[in-house]
Amino acid sequence: MNWESWQAFWAMGGYGLYVWGSFGMTLLCLAAEIGLLRSHRLQVWRRLKRMKTWDSQ
């Protein structure tokens, strides 16, 4: 598509709120997923460390 101005680009033919809102929600969900994965990975490492110390006792 070819827009006449930046304002027309951001408006997306009247669907700008839906389009940019969808992009925003997708980015938010991806960031949350990455954060949760990192959190779970840290929990697993801590649990493995505890298991290792229990085995050595």
C-alpha atoms as a PDB file:
ATOM      1  CA  MET A   1       0.000   0.000   0.000  1.00  0.00           C
ATOM      2  CA  ASN A   2       0.996   3.565  -0.565  1.00  0.00           C
ATOM      3  CA  TRP A   3       0.038   6.173   2.046  1.00  0.00           C
ATOM      4  CA  GLU A   4      -0.038   9.917   1.466  1.00  0.00           C
ATOM      5  CA  SER A   5       1.360  10.764   4.900  1.00  0.00           C
ATOM      6  CA  TRP A   6       2.486   9.277   8.176  1.00  0.00           C
ATOM      7  CA  GLN A   7      -0.892  10.101   9.663  1.00  0.00           C
ATOM      8  CA  ALA A   8      -2.573   8.003   6.981  1.00  0.00           C
ATOM      9  CA  PHE A   9      -0.099   5.196   7.683  1.00  0.00           C
ATOM     10  CA  TRP A  10      -0.876   5.187  11.417  1.00  0.00           C
ATOM     11  CA  ALA A  11      -4.626   5.383  10.748  1.00  0.00           C
ATOM     12  CA  MET A  12      -4.450   2.330   8.424  1.00  0.00           C
ATOM     13  CA  GLY A  13      -7.618   3.259   6.575  1.00  0.00           C
ATOM     14  CA  GLY A  14      -9.637   3.568   9.779  1.00  0.00           C
ATOM     15  CA  TYR A  15      -8.399   0.267  11.238  1.00  0.00           C
ATOM     16  CA  GLY A  16      -5.295   1.659  12.908  1.00  0.00           C
ATOM     17  CA  LEU A  17      -6.528   1.158  16.458  1.00  0.00           C
ATOM     18  CA  TYR A  18      -7.260  -2.513  15.762  1.00  0.00           C
ATOM     19  CA  VAL A  19      -4.025  -3.110  13.831  1.00  0.00           C
ATOM     20  CA  TRP A  20      -1.676  -1.373  16.275  1.00  0.00           C
ATOM     21  CA  GLY A  21      -3.580  -2.693  19.279  1.00  0.00           C
ATOM     22  CA  SER A  22      -3.107  -6.223  17.930  1.00  0.00           C
ATOM     23  CA  PHE A  23       0.605  -5.642  17.438  1.00  0.00           C
ATOM     24  CA  GLY A  24       0.869  -4.234  20.951  1.00  0.00           C
ATOM     25  CA  MET A  25      -0.971  -7.165  22.550  1.00  0.00           C
ATOM     26  CA  THR A  26       1.168  -9.642  20.605  1.00  0.00           C
ATOM     27  CA  LEU A  27       4.366  -7.975  21.806  1.00  0.00           C
ATOM     28  CA  LEU A  28       3.023  -7.898  25.360  1.00  0.00           C
ATOM     29  CA  CYS A  29       2.192 -11.620  25.250  1.00  0.00           C
ATOM     30  CA  LEU A  30       5.609 -12.481  23.797  1.00  0.00           C
ATOM     31  CA  ALA A  31       7.365 -10.458  26.508  1.00  0.00           C
ATOM     32  CA  ALA A  32       5.276 -12.172  29.206  1.00  0.00           C
ATOM     33  CA  GLU A  33       6.055 -15.602  27.736  1.00  0.00           C
ATOM     34  CA  ILE A  34       9.792 -14.878  27.699  1.00  0.00           C
ATOM     35  CA  GLY A  35       9.629 -13.624  31.288  1.00  0.00           C
ATOM     36  CA  LEU A  36       7.738 -16.714  32.441  1.00  0.00           C
ATOM     37  CA  LEU A  37      10.170 -19.032  30.656  1.00  0.00           C
ATOM     38  CA  ARG A  38      13.135 -17.352  32.342  1.00  0.00           C
ATOM     39  CA  SER A  39      11.418 -17.553  35.716  1.00  0.00           C
ATOM     40  CA  HIS A  40      10.637 -21.251  35.319  1.00  0.00           C
ATOM     41  CA  ARG A  41      14.172 -21.984  34.143  1.00  0.00           C
ATOM     42  CA  LEU A  42      15.572 -20.315  37.259  1.00  0.00           C
ATOM     43  CA  GLN A  43      13.221 -22.353  39.459  1.00  0.00           C
ATOM     44  CA  VAL A  44      14.337 -25.579  37.767  1.00  0.00           C
ATOM     45  CA  TRP A  45      18.029 -24.717  38.264  1.00  0.00           C
ATOM     46  CA  ARG A  46      17.412 -23.987  41.946  1.00  0.00           C
ATOM     47  CA  ARG A  47      15.502 -27.242  42.372  1.00  0.00           C
ATOM     48  CA  LEU A  48      18.290 -29.192  40.675  1.00  0.00           C
ATOM     49  CA  LYS A  49      20.883 -27.588  42.950  1.00  0.00           C
ATOM     50  CA  ARG A  50      18.849 -28.595  46.012  1.00  0.00           C
ATOM     51  CA  MET A  51      18.530 -32.154  44.696  1.00  0.00           C
ATOM     52  CA  LYS A  52      22.267 -32.319  44.110  1.00  0.00           C
ATOM     53  CA  THR A  53      23.037 -31.227  47.670  1.00  0.00           C
ATOM     54  CA  TRP A  54      20.545 -33.782  49.053  1.00  0.00           C
ATOM     55  CA  ASP A  55      22.250 -36.567  47.072  1.00  0.00           C
ATOM     56  CA  SER A  56      25.678 -35.655  48.414  1.00  0.00           C
ATOM     57  CA  GLN A  57      24.577 -35.795  52.065  1.00  0.00           C
END
